[in-house]
Amino acid sequence: MQKYSILDLAPVAEGRQVSDAFANSVTLAQHGEALGFHRFWLAEHHNMPGIASAATAVLIGHVAGATKTIRVGAGGIMLPNHAPLMVAEQFGTLNALYPDRIDLGLGRAPGSDMNTARALRRNMQAGDQFPDDVVELMDYLGDNPDVTPVRAFPGEGSHVPVYILGSSLFGAQLAAYLGLPYAFASHFAPAHLEQALHTYRTTFRPSAALDAPYAIMAAGVVAADTDAEAAYLRSSQLLSFAKVITGKPGLMCKPSHEMQSQIPPQVLAQVQNAMSISAVGSLETVQAQLSDIVARYAPDELMVTGMIYDQTAQLHSLSLAAHALSSLVTA
C-alpha cells in the first residue's frame, strides 16, 4: 500500500442541518490533511435526505478552498447523469482554481433510484454509453487542435486525472482497457472485490495516463478508545444503511445500544454482509483488521469511510485510523 485517503458523503445527521454537514466535511478534510491523508473524495447521490453531496463539484470546490495540500475530488461523478462536456468544464474550472489537486472519479450507476434518474433527465439507456462518454470526457480534458469543433473552456489541456469507479467486473474491465486507475466500492458492495481486482490487474494495458495498474479499495473504519465504544459509534451507519436498503432513507441516525432490536435480523444480516470490508474497534483492533485487509487484497491505496454521529468522535476515529494506516504503508 502506497497511500491512504478519505471518502465522505457529507452526511446530514438527525437534529442538524445541511450547513452543519458541509462544515463537518470541511473540518474532516482539514483534519485528514494534517494527518497525512492523500486525498478527500466526495460522492454523488440524489434524493437521499441524509447525504448532502448531490452537487458534488460545488462541494469539491468548497472543500478544496478550505484546504491547502490534500487532493480533493469526486468518488465519484455518476457520468450517465451528465453531459461529458459539462463535467469537463466543471472540473477544468476546479483544476484552474486548485491546480494539481483535483481528481475526477467516474461511476456508471445513477446514484439514485430510477424515478430520481428520470427527474435528472437521464437517458435510461445511458449506462450503455458509459465507455464512450468516458473517452469523450477525457478528450475534452486533453490537448486538442484548433479545428476541433467542440472544446471545453475551461478544461482543455488540464489533464485532470480520471479514475474509473465500480462494484462489478464492468468497471474493472474498462479501467484496464483504458489504462486508468480503478477504485472499487468495497465499503458497501464487496461481493466481486477479489475478482474485479484480479481482472483489472491481469488485463491492464499501459496508457499515457498510467504505466501500471493502480487499484484503490474502500473500507469502513470506526475507531475509538475501546472496541465497545467503536461498535456503539458504528451503529449510526448500520441503522442508516438499514433504512436505505428497506427503501426508507433518512438522516444519519444517532448511535444506539439497542441497534439489534431496531433492525429485523434478515436486514441486519444484509447490512453486515454489505459492510463486511471494515475495521471497527480500538487502535489495536483496527490496526490488526486493516493489516488483514491490506495483506489479502494488496491495494495500492486504501480509502476509508465512516459515518459517525458526533464529529469529535469522528475526528478521533480518523486520528486513530491514520496511526494504524501509516504503519501499513510500504516504501
C-alpha atoms as a PDB file:
ATOM      1  CA  MET A   1       0.000   0.000   0.000  1.00  0.00           C
ATOM      2  CA  GLN A   2       1.345   3.381  -1.035  1.00  0.00           C
ATOM      3  CA  LYS A   3      -1.279   5.852   0.189  1.00  0.00           C
ATOM      4  CA  TYR A   4      -4.409   6.183   2.312  1.00  0.00           C
ATOM      5  CA  SER A   5      -7.332   8.527   1.746  1.00  0.00           C
ATOM      6  CA  ILE A   6     -10.846   9.543   2.831  1.00  0.00           C
ATOM      7  CA  LEU A   7     -14.282   9.087   1.254  1.00  0.00           C
ATOM      8  CA  ASP A   8     -17.017  11.393   2.557  1.00  0.00           C
ATOM      9  CA  LEU A   9     -20.739  11.686   1.804  1.00  0.00           C
ATOM     10  CA  ALA A  10     -21.378  14.905   3.756  1.00  0.00           C
ATOM     11  CA  PRO A  11     -23.900  13.056   5.958  1.00  0.00           C
ATOM     12  CA  VAL A  12     -26.758  15.057   7.446  1.00  0.00           C
ATOM     13  CA  ALA A  13     -27.420  13.900  10.999  1.00  0.00           C
ATOM     14  CA  GLU A  14     -30.688  13.802  12.912  1.00  0.00           C
ATOM     15  CA  GLY A  15     -31.310  17.137  14.618  1.00  0.00           C
ATOM     16  CA  ARG A  16     -28.863  19.004  12.380  1.00  0.00           C
ATOM     17  CA  GLN A  17     -28.873  20.980   9.135  1.00  0.00           C
ATOM     18  CA  VAL A  18     -27.286  20.606   5.706  1.00  0.00           C
ATOM     19  CA  SER A  19     -24.990  23.520   6.545  1.00  0.00           C
ATOM     20  CA  ASP A  20     -23.698  21.515   9.520  1.00  0.00           C
ATOM     21  CA  ALA A  21     -22.873  18.633   7.175  1.00  0.00           C
ATOM     22  CA  PHE A  22     -20.855  20.936   4.921  1.00  0.00           C
ATOM     23  CA  ALA A  23     -18.985  22.430   7.880  1.00  0.00           C
ATOM     24  CA  ASN A  24     -18.235  18.934   9.161  1.00  0.00           C
ATOM     25  CA  SER A  25     -16.877  17.864   5.752  1.00  0.00           C
ATOM     26  CA  VAL A  26     -14.512  20.830   5.705  1.00  0.00           C
ATOM     27  CA  THR A  27     -13.303  20.079   9.230  1.00  0.00           C
ATOM     28  CA  LEU A  28     -12.845  16.410   8.348  1.00  0.00           C
ATOM     29  CA  ALA A  29     -10.809  17.286   5.236  1.00  0.00           C
ATOM     30  CA  GLN A  30      -8.641  19.724   7.167  1.00  0.00           C
ATOM     31  CA  HIS A  31      -8.038  17.139   9.878  1.00  0.00           C
ATOM     32  CA  GLY A  32      -7.233  14.494   7.283  1.00  0.00           C
ATOM     33  CA  GLU A  33      -4.806  16.857   5.588  1.00  0.00           C
ATOM     34  CA  ALA A  34      -2.975  17.444   8.864  1.00  0.00           C
ATOM     35  CA  LEU A  35      -2.830  13.676   9.475  1.00  0.00           C
ATOM     36  CA  GLY A  36      -1.242  12.921   6.111  1.00  0.00           C
ATOM     37  CA  PHE A  37      -4.179  11.509   4.159  1.00  0.00           C
ATOM     38  CA  HIS A  38      -3.538  11.731   0.424  1.00  0.00           C
ATOM     39  CA  ARG A  39      -6.968  12.643  -0.954  1.00  0.00           C
ATOM     40  CA  PHE A  40     -10.507  13.504   0.106  1.00  0.00           C
ATOM     41  CA  TRP A  41     -13.300  12.327  -2.185  1.00  0.00           C
ATOM     42  CA  LEU A  42     -16.997  13.188  -2.187  1.00  0.00           C
ATOM     43  CA  ALA A  43     -19.645  11.009  -3.810  1.00  0.00           C
ATOM     44  CA  GLU A  44     -22.671  11.976  -5.901  1.00  0.00           C
ATOM     45  CA  HIS A  45     -26.050  10.794  -4.554  1.00  0.00           C
ATOM     46  CA  HIS A  46     -29.553  12.123  -5.168  1.00  0.00           C
ATOM     47  CA  ASN A  47     -32.917  12.064  -3.379  1.00  0.00           C
ATOM     48  CA  MET A  48     -31.314  10.948  -0.097  1.00  0.00           C
ATOM     49  CA  PRO A  49     -32.034  13.295   2.823  1.00  0.00           C
ATOM     50  CA  GLY A  50     -29.068  12.012   4.807  1.00  0.00           C
ATOM     51  CA  ILE A  51     -26.474  12.737   2.115  1.00  0.00           C
ATOM     52  CA  ALA A  52     -25.673  16.339   1.148  1.00  0.00           C
ATOM     53  CA  SER A  53     -23.110  15.764  -1.617  1.00  0.00           C
ATOM     54  CA  ALA A  54     -25.578  15.872  -4.546  1.00  0.00           C
ATOM     55  CA  ALA A  55     -23.964  18.967  -6.117  1.00  0.00           C
ATOM     56  CA  THR A  56     -20.607  17.230  -5.959  1.00  0.00           C
ATOM     57  CA  ALA A  57     -18.479  19.649  -7.994  1.00  0.00           C
ATOM     58  CA  VAL A  58     -19.728  22.598  -5.945  1.00  0.00           C
ATOM     59  CA  LEU A  59     -18.844  20.896  -2.676  1.00  0.00           C
ATOM     60  CA  ILE A  60     -15.437  19.816  -4.006  1.00  0.00           C
ATOM     61  CA  GLY A  61     -14.656  23.464  -4.683  1.00  0.00           C
ATOM     62  CA  HIS A  62     -15.764  24.427  -1.181  1.00  0.00           C
ATOM     63  CA  VAL A  63     -13.542  21.796   0.444  1.00  0.00           C
ATOM     64  CA  ALA A  64     -10.565  22.496  -1.824  1.00  0.00           C
ATOM     65  CA  GLY A  65     -10.823  26.195  -0.971  1.00  0.00           C
ATOM     66  CA  ALA A  66     -10.629  25.392   2.735  1.00  0.00           C
ATOM     67  CA  THR A  67      -7.578  23.099   2.445  1.00  0.00           C
ATOM     68  CA  LYS A  68      -4.066  23.525   1.097  1.00  0.00           C
ATOM     69  CA  THR A  69      -2.366  20.321   0.026  1.00  0.00           C
ATOM     70  CA  ILE A  70      -4.735  17.353   0.163  1.00  0.00           C
ATOM     71  CA  ARG A  71      -6.147  16.229  -3.190  1.00  0.00           C
ATOM     72  CA  VAL A  72      -9.913  16.756  -3.433  1.00  0.00           C
ATOM     73  CA  GLY A  73     -12.182  15.061  -5.906  1.00  0.00           C
ATOM     74  CA  ALA A  74     -15.195  13.021  -6.878  1.00  0.00           C
ATOM     75  CA  GLY A  75     -15.649   9.455  -5.800  1.00  0.00           C
ATOM     76  CA  GLY A  76     -17.492   9.808  -7.954  1.00  0.00           C
ATOM     77  CA  ILE A  77     -19.414  11.744 -10.530  1.00  0.00           C
ATOM     78  CA  MET A  78     -22.157   9.478 -11.917  1.00  0.00           C
ATOM     79  CA  LEU A  79     -21.425  10.188 -15.559  1.00  0.00           C
ATOM     80  CA  PRO A  80     -24.722   8.938 -17.064  1.00  0.00           C
ATOM     81  CA  ASN A  81     -26.402  11.836 -15.219  1.00  0.00           C
ATOM     82  CA  HIS A  82     -24.308  14.457 -17.010  1.00  0.00           C
ATOM     83  CA  ALA A  83     -23.104  15.621 -20.395  1.00  0.00           C
ATOM     84  CA  PRO A  84     -19.349  14.916 -20.642  1.00  0.00           C
ATOM     85  CA  LEU A  85     -18.702  18.465 -21.864  1.00  0.00           C
ATOM     86  CA  MET A  86     -20.270  19.991 -18.739  1.00  0.00           C
ATOM     87  CA  VAL A  87     -18.273  17.707 -16.451  1.00  0.00           C
ATOM     88  CA  ALA A  88     -15.090  18.701 -18.313  1.00  0.00           C
ATOM     89  CA  GLU A  89     -15.928  22.384 -17.869  1.00  0.00           C
ATOM     90  CA  GLN A  90     -16.713  21.960 -14.162  1.00  0.00           C
ATOM     91  CA  PHE A  91     -13.551  20.033 -13.364  1.00  0.00           C
ATOM     92  CA  GLY A  92     -11.465  22.193 -15.666  1.00  0.00           C
ATOM     93  CA  THR A  93     -12.684  25.144 -13.618  1.00  0.00           C
ATOM     94  CA  LEU A  94     -11.840  23.378 -10.357  1.00  0.00           C
ATOM     95  CA  ASN A  95      -8.391  22.483 -11.665  1.00  0.00           C
ATOM     96  CA  ALA A  96      -7.723  26.099 -12.653  1.00  0.00           C
ATOM     97  CA  LEU A  97      -8.718  27.228  -9.164  1.00  0.00           C
ATOM     98  CA  TYR A  98      -6.786  24.495  -7.337  1.00  0.00           C
ATOM     99  CA  PRO A  99      -4.008  23.286  -9.696  1.00  0.00           C
ATOM    100  CA  ASP A 100      -2.797  19.690  -9.386  1.00  0.00           C
ATOM    101  CA  ARG A 101      -5.194  18.941  -6.514  1.00  0.00           C
ATOM    102  CA  ILE A 102      -8.396  17.836  -8.283  1.00  0.00           C
ATOM    103  CA  ASP A 103      -9.410  14.218  -9.058  1.00  0.00           C
ATOM    104  CA  LEU A 104     -12.284  13.038 -11.237  1.00  0.00           C
ATOM    105  CA  GLY A 105     -13.665   9.629 -10.347  1.00  0.00           C
ATOM    106  CA  LEU A 106     -16.394   8.421 -12.718  1.00  0.00           C
ATOM    107  CA  GLY A 107     -19.182   5.965 -11.982  1.00  0.00           C
ATOM    108  CA  ARG A 108     -21.693   4.218 -14.225  1.00  0.00           C
ATOM    109  CA  ALA A 109     -24.613   3.966 -11.768  1.00  0.00           C
ATOM    110  CA  PRO A 110     -27.216   6.745 -11.463  1.00  0.00           C
ATOM    111  CA  GLY A 111     -26.501   7.306  -7.757  1.00  0.00           C
ATOM    112  CA  SER A 112     -30.229   7.259  -7.137  1.00  0.00           C
ATOM    113  CA  ASP A 113     -33.447   5.328  -7.707  1.00  0.00           C
ATOM    114  CA  MET A 114     -34.967   5.143 -11.170  1.00  0.00           C
ATOM    115  CA  ASN A 115     -37.624   7.822 -10.530  1.00  0.00           C
ATOM    116  CA  THR A 116     -34.876  10.212  -9.472  1.00  0.00           C
ATOM    117  CA  ALA A 117     -32.836   9.262 -12.514  1.00  0.00           C
ATOM    118  CA  ARG A 118     -35.769  10.271 -14.689  1.00  0.00           C
ATOM    119  CA  ALA A 119     -36.079  13.545 -12.787  1.00  0.00           C
ATOM    120  CA  LEU A 120     -32.424  14.191 -13.638  1.00  0.00           C
ATOM    121  CA  ARG A 121     -33.493  13.965 -17.307  1.00  0.00           C
ATOM    122  CA  ARG A 122     -31.236  10.958 -17.631  1.00  0.00           C
ATOM    123  CA  ASN A 123     -31.438   8.798 -20.734  1.00  0.00           C
ATOM    124  CA  MET A 124     -32.353   5.456 -19.195  1.00  0.00           C
ATOM    125  CA  GLN A 125     -30.039   3.662 -21.641  1.00  0.00           C
ATOM    126  CA  ALA A 126     -27.115   5.966 -20.890  1.00  0.00           C
ATOM    127  CA  GLY A 127     -25.288   3.342 -18.849  1.00  0.00           C
ATOM    128  CA  ASP A 128     -24.534   1.514 -22.104  1.00  0.00           C
ATOM    129  CA  GLN A 129     -22.796   4.675 -23.361  1.00  0.00           C
ATOM    130  CA  PHE A 130     -20.525   4.931 -20.342  1.00  0.00           C
ATOM    131  CA  PRO A 131     -17.277   3.833 -22.067  1.00  0.00           C
ATOM    132  CA  ASP A 132     -17.845   6.257 -24.943  1.00  0.00           C
ATOM    133  CA  ASP A 133     -18.735   9.048 -22.518  1.00  0.00           C
ATOM    134  CA  VAL A 134     -15.527   8.446 -20.528  1.00  0.00           C
ATOM    135  CA  VAL A 135     -13.425   8.674 -23.680  1.00  0.00           C
ATOM    136  CA  GLU A 136     -15.284  11.804 -24.821  1.00  0.00           C
ATOM    137  CA  LEU A 137     -14.746  13.439 -21.427  1.00  0.00           C
ATOM    138  CA  MET A 138     -11.039  12.594 -21.431  1.00  0.00           C
ATOM    139  CA  ASP A 139     -10.735  14.062 -24.916  1.00  0.00           C
ATOM    140  CA  TYR A 140     -12.216  17.352 -23.679  1.00  0.00           C
ATOM    141  CA  LEU A 141      -9.645  17.416 -20.851  1.00  0.00           C
ATOM    142  CA  GLY A 142      -6.760  16.684 -23.217  1.00  0.00           C
ATOM    143  CA  ASP A 143      -4.900  18.702 -25.818  1.00  0.00           C
ATOM    144  CA  ASN A 144      -6.980  19.413 -28.917  1.00  0.00           C
ATOM    145  CA  PRO A 145      -6.174  21.074 -32.244  1.00  0.00           C
ATOM    146  CA  ASP A 146      -7.820  24.382 -33.069  1.00  0.00           C
ATOM    147  CA  VAL A 147     -10.028  22.698 -35.675  1.00  0.00           C
ATOM    148  CA  THR A 148     -11.801  20.547 -33.057  1.00  0.00           C
ATOM    149  CA  PRO A 149     -15.474  21.588 -33.349  1.00  0.00           C
ATOM    150  CA  VAL A 150     -16.358  21.333 -29.613  1.00  0.00           C
ATOM    151  CA  ARG A 151     -13.862  22.164 -26.900  1.00  0.00           C
ATOM    152  CA  ALA A 152     -14.028  22.585 -23.129  1.00  0.00           C
ATOM    153  CA  PHE A 153     -13.132  26.035 -21.831  1.00  0.00           C
ATOM    154  CA  PRO A 154     -12.005  25.762 -19.035  1.00  0.00           C
ATOM    155  CA  GLY A 155     -10.902  22.135 -19.142  1.00  0.00           C
ATOM    156  CA  GLU A 156      -8.924  21.690 -22.328  1.00  0.00           C
ATOM    157  CA  GLY A 157      -5.308  20.837 -21.615  1.00  0.00           C
ATOM    158  CA  SER A 158      -5.925  20.401 -17.890  1.00  0.00           C
ATOM    159  CA  HIS A 159      -5.494  16.613 -17.969  1.00  0.00           C
ATOM    160  CA  VAL A 160      -7.461  16.267 -14.731  1.00  0.00           C
ATOM    161  CA  PRO A 161      -6.718  12.706 -13.525  1.00  0.00           C
ATOM    162  CA  VAL A 162      -9.608  10.343 -14.296  1.00  0.00           C
ATOM    163  CA  TYR A 163     -10.411   7.269 -12.186  1.00  0.00           C
ATOM    164  CA  ILE A 164     -12.945   4.546 -13.002  1.00  0.00           C
ATOM    165  CA  LEU A 165     -15.186   3.549 -10.110  1.00  0.00           C
ATOM    166  CA  GLY A 166     -17.069   0.304  -9.816  1.00  0.00           C
ATOM    167  CA  SER A 167     -18.520  -2.516  -7.760  1.00  0.00           C
ATOM    168  CA  SER A 168     -18.538  -5.168 -10.508  1.00  0.00           C
ATOM    169  CA  LEU A 169     -16.325  -6.531 -13.268  1.00  0.00           C
ATOM    170  CA  PHE A 170     -17.525  -3.942 -15.809  1.00  0.00           C
ATOM    171  CA  GLY A 171     -15.582  -1.070 -14.273  1.00  0.00           C
ATOM    172  CA  ALA A 172     -12.511  -3.259 -13.762  1.00  0.00           C
ATOM    173  CA  GLN A 173     -12.503  -4.274 -17.411  1.00  0.00           C
ATOM    174  CA  LEU A 174     -12.999  -0.705 -18.623  1.00  0.00           C
ATOM    175  CA  ALA A 175     -10.289   0.742 -16.359  1.00  0.00           C
ATOM    176  CA  ALA A 176      -7.869  -1.950 -17.526  1.00  0.00           C
ATOM    177  CA  TYR A 177      -8.713  -1.406 -21.201  1.00  0.00           C
ATOM    178  CA  LEU A 178      -8.292   2.376 -20.982  1.00  0.00           C
ATOM    179  CA  GLY A 179      -5.218   2.165 -18.767  1.00  0.00           C
ATOM    180  CA  LEU A 180      -6.763   4.168 -15.926  1.00  0.00           C
ATOM    181  CA  PRO A 181      -6.633   3.837 -12.134  1.00  0.00           C
ATOM    182  CA  TYR A 182      -9.514   1.852 -10.654  1.00  0.00           C
ATOM    183  CA  ALA A 183     -11.439   2.349  -7.393  1.00  0.00           C
ATOM    184  CA  PHE A 184     -13.696  -0.404  -6.025  1.00  0.00           C
ATOM    185  CA  ALA A 185     -16.666   0.379  -3.761  1.00  0.00           C
ATOM    186  CA  SER A 186     -15.877  -2.402  -1.315  1.00  0.00           C
ATOM    187  CA  HIS A 187     -17.139  -0.380   1.646  1.00  0.00           C
ATOM    188  CA  PHE A 188     -20.737  -1.293   0.742  1.00  0.00           C
ATOM    189  CA  ALA A 189     -20.556  -3.829  -2.141  1.00  0.00           C
ATOM    190  CA  PRO A 190     -17.698  -6.263  -1.523  1.00  0.00           C
ATOM    191  CA  ALA A 191     -19.053  -9.316  -3.360  1.00  0.00           C
ATOM    192  CA  HIS A 192     -16.912  -9.003  -6.503  1.00  0.00           C
ATOM    193  CA  LEU A 193     -13.889  -7.270  -4.974  1.00  0.00           C
ATOM    194  CA  GLU A 194     -11.355 -10.075  -5.344  1.00  0.00           C
ATOM    195  CA  GLN A 195     -12.399 -10.996  -8.883  1.00  0.00           C
ATOM    196  CA  ALA A 196     -12.540  -7.354 -10.004  1.00  0.00           C
ATOM    197  CA  LEU A 197      -9.051  -6.604  -8.714  1.00  0.00           C
ATOM    198  CA  HIS A 198      -7.695  -9.730 -10.399  1.00  0.00           C
ATOM    199  CA  THR A 199      -9.362  -8.819 -13.690  1.00  0.00           C
ATOM    200  CA  TYR A 200      -8.074  -5.252 -13.526  1.00  0.00           C
ATOM    201  CA  ARG A 201      -4.501  -6.226 -12.719  1.00  0.00           C
ATOM    202  CA  THR A 202      -4.186  -9.071 -15.215  1.00  0.00           C
ATOM    203  CA  THR A 203      -5.763  -7.286 -18.200  1.00  0.00           C
ATOM    204  CA  PHE A 204      -4.378  -3.778 -17.626  1.00  0.00           C
ATOM    205  CA  ARG A 205      -2.971  -2.025 -20.711  1.00  0.00           C
ATOM    206  CA  PRO A 206      -0.434   0.778 -20.111  1.00  0.00           C
ATOM    207  CA  SER A 207      -1.559   4.181 -21.345  1.00  0.00           C
ATOM    208  CA  ALA A 208      -0.439   7.791 -21.475  1.00  0.00           C
ATOM    209  CA  ALA A 209      -2.174   8.216 -18.105  1.00  0.00           C
ATOM    210  CA  LEU A 210      -0.697   5.233 -16.280  1.00  0.00           C
ATOM    211  CA  ASP A 211       2.201   2.799 -16.781  1.00  0.00           C
ATOM    212  CA  ALA A 212       0.990   0.090 -14.394  1.00  0.00           C
ATOM    213  CA  PRO A 213      -2.291  -0.776 -12.668  1.00  0.00           C
ATOM    214  CA  TYR A 214      -3.242   1.337  -9.674  1.00  0.00           C
ATOM    215  CA  ALA A 215      -6.050  -0.068  -7.528  1.00  0.00           C
ATOM    216  CA  ILE A 216      -7.910   1.771  -4.790  1.00  0.00           C
ATOM    217  CA  MET A 217     -10.316  -0.048  -2.489  1.00  0.00           C
ATOM    218  CA  ALA A 218     -12.614   1.394   0.165  1.00  0.00           C
ATOM    219  CA  ALA A 219     -13.148   0.168   3.708  1.00  0.00           C
ATOM    220  CA  GLY A 220     -15.366   1.283   6.537  1.00  0.00           C
ATOM    221  CA  VAL A 221     -13.388   2.371   9.579  1.00  0.00           C
ATOM    222  CA  VAL A 222     -14.691   3.316  13.001  1.00  0.00           C
ATOM    223  CA  ALA A 223     -12.024   3.575  15.672  1.00  0.00           C
ATOM    224  CA  ALA A 224     -12.373   4.555  19.329  1.00  0.00           C
ATOM    225  CA  ASP A 225     -10.609   4.053  22.636  1.00  0.00           C
ATOM    226  CA  THR A 226     -12.352   0.700  23.173  1.00  0.00           C
ATOM    227  CA  ASP A 227     -13.943  -1.949  20.982  1.00  0.00           C
ATOM    228  CA  ALA A 228     -17.274  -1.416  22.719  1.00  0.00           C
ATOM    229  CA  GLU A 229     -17.293   2.329  22.076  1.00  0.00           C
ATOM    230  CA  ALA A 230     -16.410   1.823  18.416  1.00  0.00           C
ATOM    231  CA  ALA A 231     -19.250  -0.676  17.987  1.00  0.00           C
ATOM    232  CA  TYR A 232     -21.633   1.826  19.573  1.00  0.00           C
ATOM    233  CA  LEU A 233     -20.479   4.646  17.292  1.00  0.00           C
ATOM    234  CA  ARG A 234     -20.784   2.417  14.219  1.00  0.00           C
ATOM    235  CA  SER A 235     -24.448   1.699  14.975  1.00  0.00           C
ATOM    236  CA  SER A 236     -25.319   5.067  13.381  1.00  0.00           C
ATOM    237  CA  GLN A 237     -24.098   3.883   9.994  1.00  0.00           C
ATOM    238  CA  LEU A 238     -25.652   0.437  10.284  1.00  0.00           C
ATOM    239  CA  LEU A 239     -29.041   1.883  11.267  1.00  0.00           C
ATOM    240  CA  SER A 240     -28.864   4.425   8.450  1.00  0.00           C
ATOM    241  CA  PHE A 241     -27.906   1.835   5.837  1.00  0.00           C
ATOM    242  CA  ALA A 242     -30.700  -0.454   7.009  1.00  0.00           C
ATOM    243  CA  LYS A 243     -33.137   2.349   6.205  1.00  0.00           C
ATOM    244  CA  VAL A 244     -31.653   2.708   2.720  1.00  0.00           C
ATOM    245  CA  ILE A 245     -31.920  -0.962   1.780  1.00  0.00           C
ATOM    246  CA  THR A 246     -35.504  -1.126   3.083  1.00  0.00           C
ATOM    247  CA  GLY A 247     -36.487   1.831   0.891  1.00  0.00           C
ATOM    248  CA  LYS A 248     -36.774   4.387   3.691  1.00  0.00           C
ATOM    249  CA  PRO A 249     -33.624   6.538   3.528  1.00  0.00           C
ATOM    250  CA  GLY A 250     -33.400   9.212   6.180  1.00  0.00           C
ATOM    251  CA  LEU A 251     -30.975  11.341   8.166  1.00  0.00           C
ATOM    252  CA  MET A 252     -27.943   9.786   9.818  1.00  0.00           C
ATOM    253  CA  CYS A 253     -29.203   8.082  12.952  1.00  0.00           C
ATOM    254  CA  LYS A 254     -27.999   8.706  16.458  1.00  0.00           C
ATOM    255  CA  PRO A 255     -25.962   5.777  17.814  1.00  0.00           C
ATOM    256  CA  SER A 256     -27.840   3.190  19.840  1.00  0.00           C
ATOM    257  CA  HIS A 257     -27.012   0.426  22.300  1.00  0.00           C
ATOM    258  CA  GLU A 258     -30.209  -1.294  21.159  1.00  0.00           C
ATOM    259  CA  MET A 259     -29.418  -1.467  17.456  1.00  0.00           C
ATOM    260  CA  GLN A 260     -30.170  -5.165  17.031  1.00  0.00           C
ATOM    261  CA  SER A 261     -33.695  -4.683  18.348  1.00  0.00           C
ATOM    262  CA  GLN A 262     -34.287  -1.896  15.802  1.00  0.00           C
ATOM    263  CA  ILE A 263     -33.302  -3.827  12.667  1.00  0.00           C
ATOM    264  CA  PRO A 264     -35.003  -7.083  11.595  1.00  0.00           C
ATOM    265  CA  PRO A 265     -32.487  -9.963  11.678  1.00  0.00           C
ATOM    266  CA  GLN A 266     -32.601 -10.586   7.922  1.00  0.00           C
ATOM    267  CA  VAL A 267     -31.991  -6.893   7.207  1.00  0.00           C
ATOM    268  CA  LEU A 268     -29.163  -6.725   9.738  1.00  0.00           C
ATOM    269  CA  ALA A 269     -27.538  -9.706   8.040  1.00  0.00           C
ATOM    270  CA  GLN A 270     -27.724  -7.858   4.695  1.00  0.00           C
ATOM    271  CA  VAL A 271     -26.221  -4.738   6.214  1.00  0.00           C
ATOM    272  CA  GLN A 272     -23.389  -6.592   7.904  1.00  0.00           C
ATOM    273  CA  ASN A 273     -22.591  -8.507   4.718  1.00  0.00           C
ATOM    274  CA  ALA A 274     -22.578  -5.308   2.635  1.00  0.00           C
ATOM    275  CA  MET A 275     -20.243  -3.638   5.134  1.00  0.00           C
ATOM    276  CA  SER A 276     -18.000  -6.618   5.818  1.00  0.00           C
ATOM    277  CA  ILE A 277     -14.875  -4.850   4.494  1.00  0.00           C
ATOM    278  CA  SER A 278     -14.483  -2.829   7.668  1.00  0.00           C
ATOM    279  CA  ALA A 279     -12.267  -2.225  10.655  1.00  0.00           C
ATOM    280  CA  VAL A 280     -14.098  -1.413  13.889  1.00  0.00           C
ATOM    281  CA  GLY A 281     -12.632  -1.176  17.376  1.00  0.00           C
ATOM    282  CA  SER A 282      -9.757   0.180  19.413  1.00  0.00           C
ATOM    283  CA  LEU A 283      -6.471   1.226  17.818  1.00  0.00           C
ATOM    284  CA  GLU A 284      -5.048  -2.264  18.267  1.00  0.00           C
ATOM    285  CA  THR A 285      -8.147  -3.938  16.842  1.00  0.00           C
ATOM    286  CA  VAL A 286      -8.405  -1.581  13.882  1.00  0.00           C
ATOM    287  CA  GLN A 287      -4.712  -1.917  13.117  1.00  0.00           C
ATOM    288  CA  ALA A 288      -4.980  -5.702  13.035  1.00  0.00           C
ATOM    289  CA  GLN A 289      -8.122  -5.652  10.878  1.00  0.00           C
ATOM    290  CA  LEU A 290      -6.689  -3.128   8.411  1.00  0.00           C
ATOM    291  CA  SER A 291      -3.485  -5.146   8.226  1.00  0.00           C
ATOM    292  CA  ASP A 292      -5.522  -8.222   7.274  1.00  0.00           C
ATOM    293  CA  ILE A 293      -7.413  -6.261   4.568  1.00  0.00           C
ATOM    294  CA  VAL A 294      -4.197  -4.882   3.067  1.00  0.00           C
ATOM    295  CA  ALA A 295      -2.479  -8.260   3.189  1.00  0.00           C
ATOM    296  CA  ARG A 296      -5.390 -10.014   1.468  1.00  0.00           C
ATOM    297  CA  TYR A 297      -6.192  -7.517  -1.293  1.00  0.00           C
ATOM    298  CA  ALA A 298      -2.893  -5.615  -1.685  1.00  0.00           C
ATOM    299  CA  PRO A 299      -4.448  -2.263  -2.666  1.00  0.00           C
ATOM    300  CA  ASP A 300      -2.179   0.483  -3.904  1.00  0.00           C
ATOM    301  CA  GLU A 301      -4.347   2.837  -1.887  1.00  0.00           C
ATOM    302  CA  LEU A 302      -6.911   2.299   0.865  1.00  0.00           C
ATOM    303  CA  MET A 303      -9.749   4.796   1.114  1.00  0.00           C
ATOM    304  CA  VAL A 304     -11.530   4.851   4.464  1.00  0.00           C
ATOM    305  CA  THR A 305     -15.026   6.000   5.250  1.00  0.00           C
ATOM    306  CA  GLY A 306     -17.166   6.023   8.359  1.00  0.00           C
ATOM    307  CA  MET A 307     -20.362   7.860   9.245  1.00  0.00           C
ATOM    308  CA  ILE A 308     -20.134   8.831  12.920  1.00  0.00           C
ATOM    309  CA  TYR A 309     -22.835  10.977  14.503  1.00  0.00           C
ATOM    310  CA  ASP A 310     -20.620  13.004  16.831  1.00  0.00           C
ATOM    311  CA  GLN A 311     -17.884  14.881  14.995  1.00  0.00           C
ATOM    312  CA  THR A 312     -15.470  14.914  17.910  1.00  0.00           C
ATOM    313  CA  ALA A 313     -15.672  11.123  17.878  1.00  0.00           C
ATOM    314  CA  GLN A 314     -15.310  11.122  14.078  1.00  0.00           C
ATOM    315  CA  LEU A 315     -12.127  13.202  14.201  1.00  0.00           C
ATOM    316  CA  HIS A 316     -10.711  10.964  16.927  1.00  0.00           C
ATOM    317  CA  SER A 317     -11.562   7.917  14.820  1.00  0.00           C
ATOM    318  CA  LEU A 318      -9.705   9.419  11.865  1.00  0.00           C
ATOM    319  CA  SER A 319      -6.661  10.145  14.040  1.00  0.00           C
ATOM    320  CA  LEU A 320      -6.556   6.536  15.217  1.00  0.00           C
ATOM    321  CA  ALA A 321      -7.074   5.292  11.663  1.00  0.00           C
ATOM    322  CA  ALA A 322      -4.175   7.438  10.424  1.00  0.00           C
ATOM    323  CA  HIS A 323      -1.918   5.958  13.083  1.00  0.00           C
ATOM    324  CA  ALA A 324      -2.879   2.440  12.020  1.00  0.00           C
ATOM    325  CA  LEU A 325      -2.649   3.143   8.282  1.00  0.00           C
ATOM    326  CA  SER A 326       0.721   4.885   8.437  1.00  0.00           C
ATOM    327  CA  SER A 327       2.274   1.690   9.755  1.00  0.00           C
ATOM    328  CA  LEU A 328       0.986  -0.233   6.716  1.00  0.00           C
ATOM    329  CA  VAL A 329       2.482   1.996   4.038  1.00  0.00           C
ATOM    330  CA  THR A 330       5.374   0.409   2.174  1.00  0.00           C
ATOM    331  CA  ALA A 331       8.194   2.326   0.556  1.00  0.00           C
END
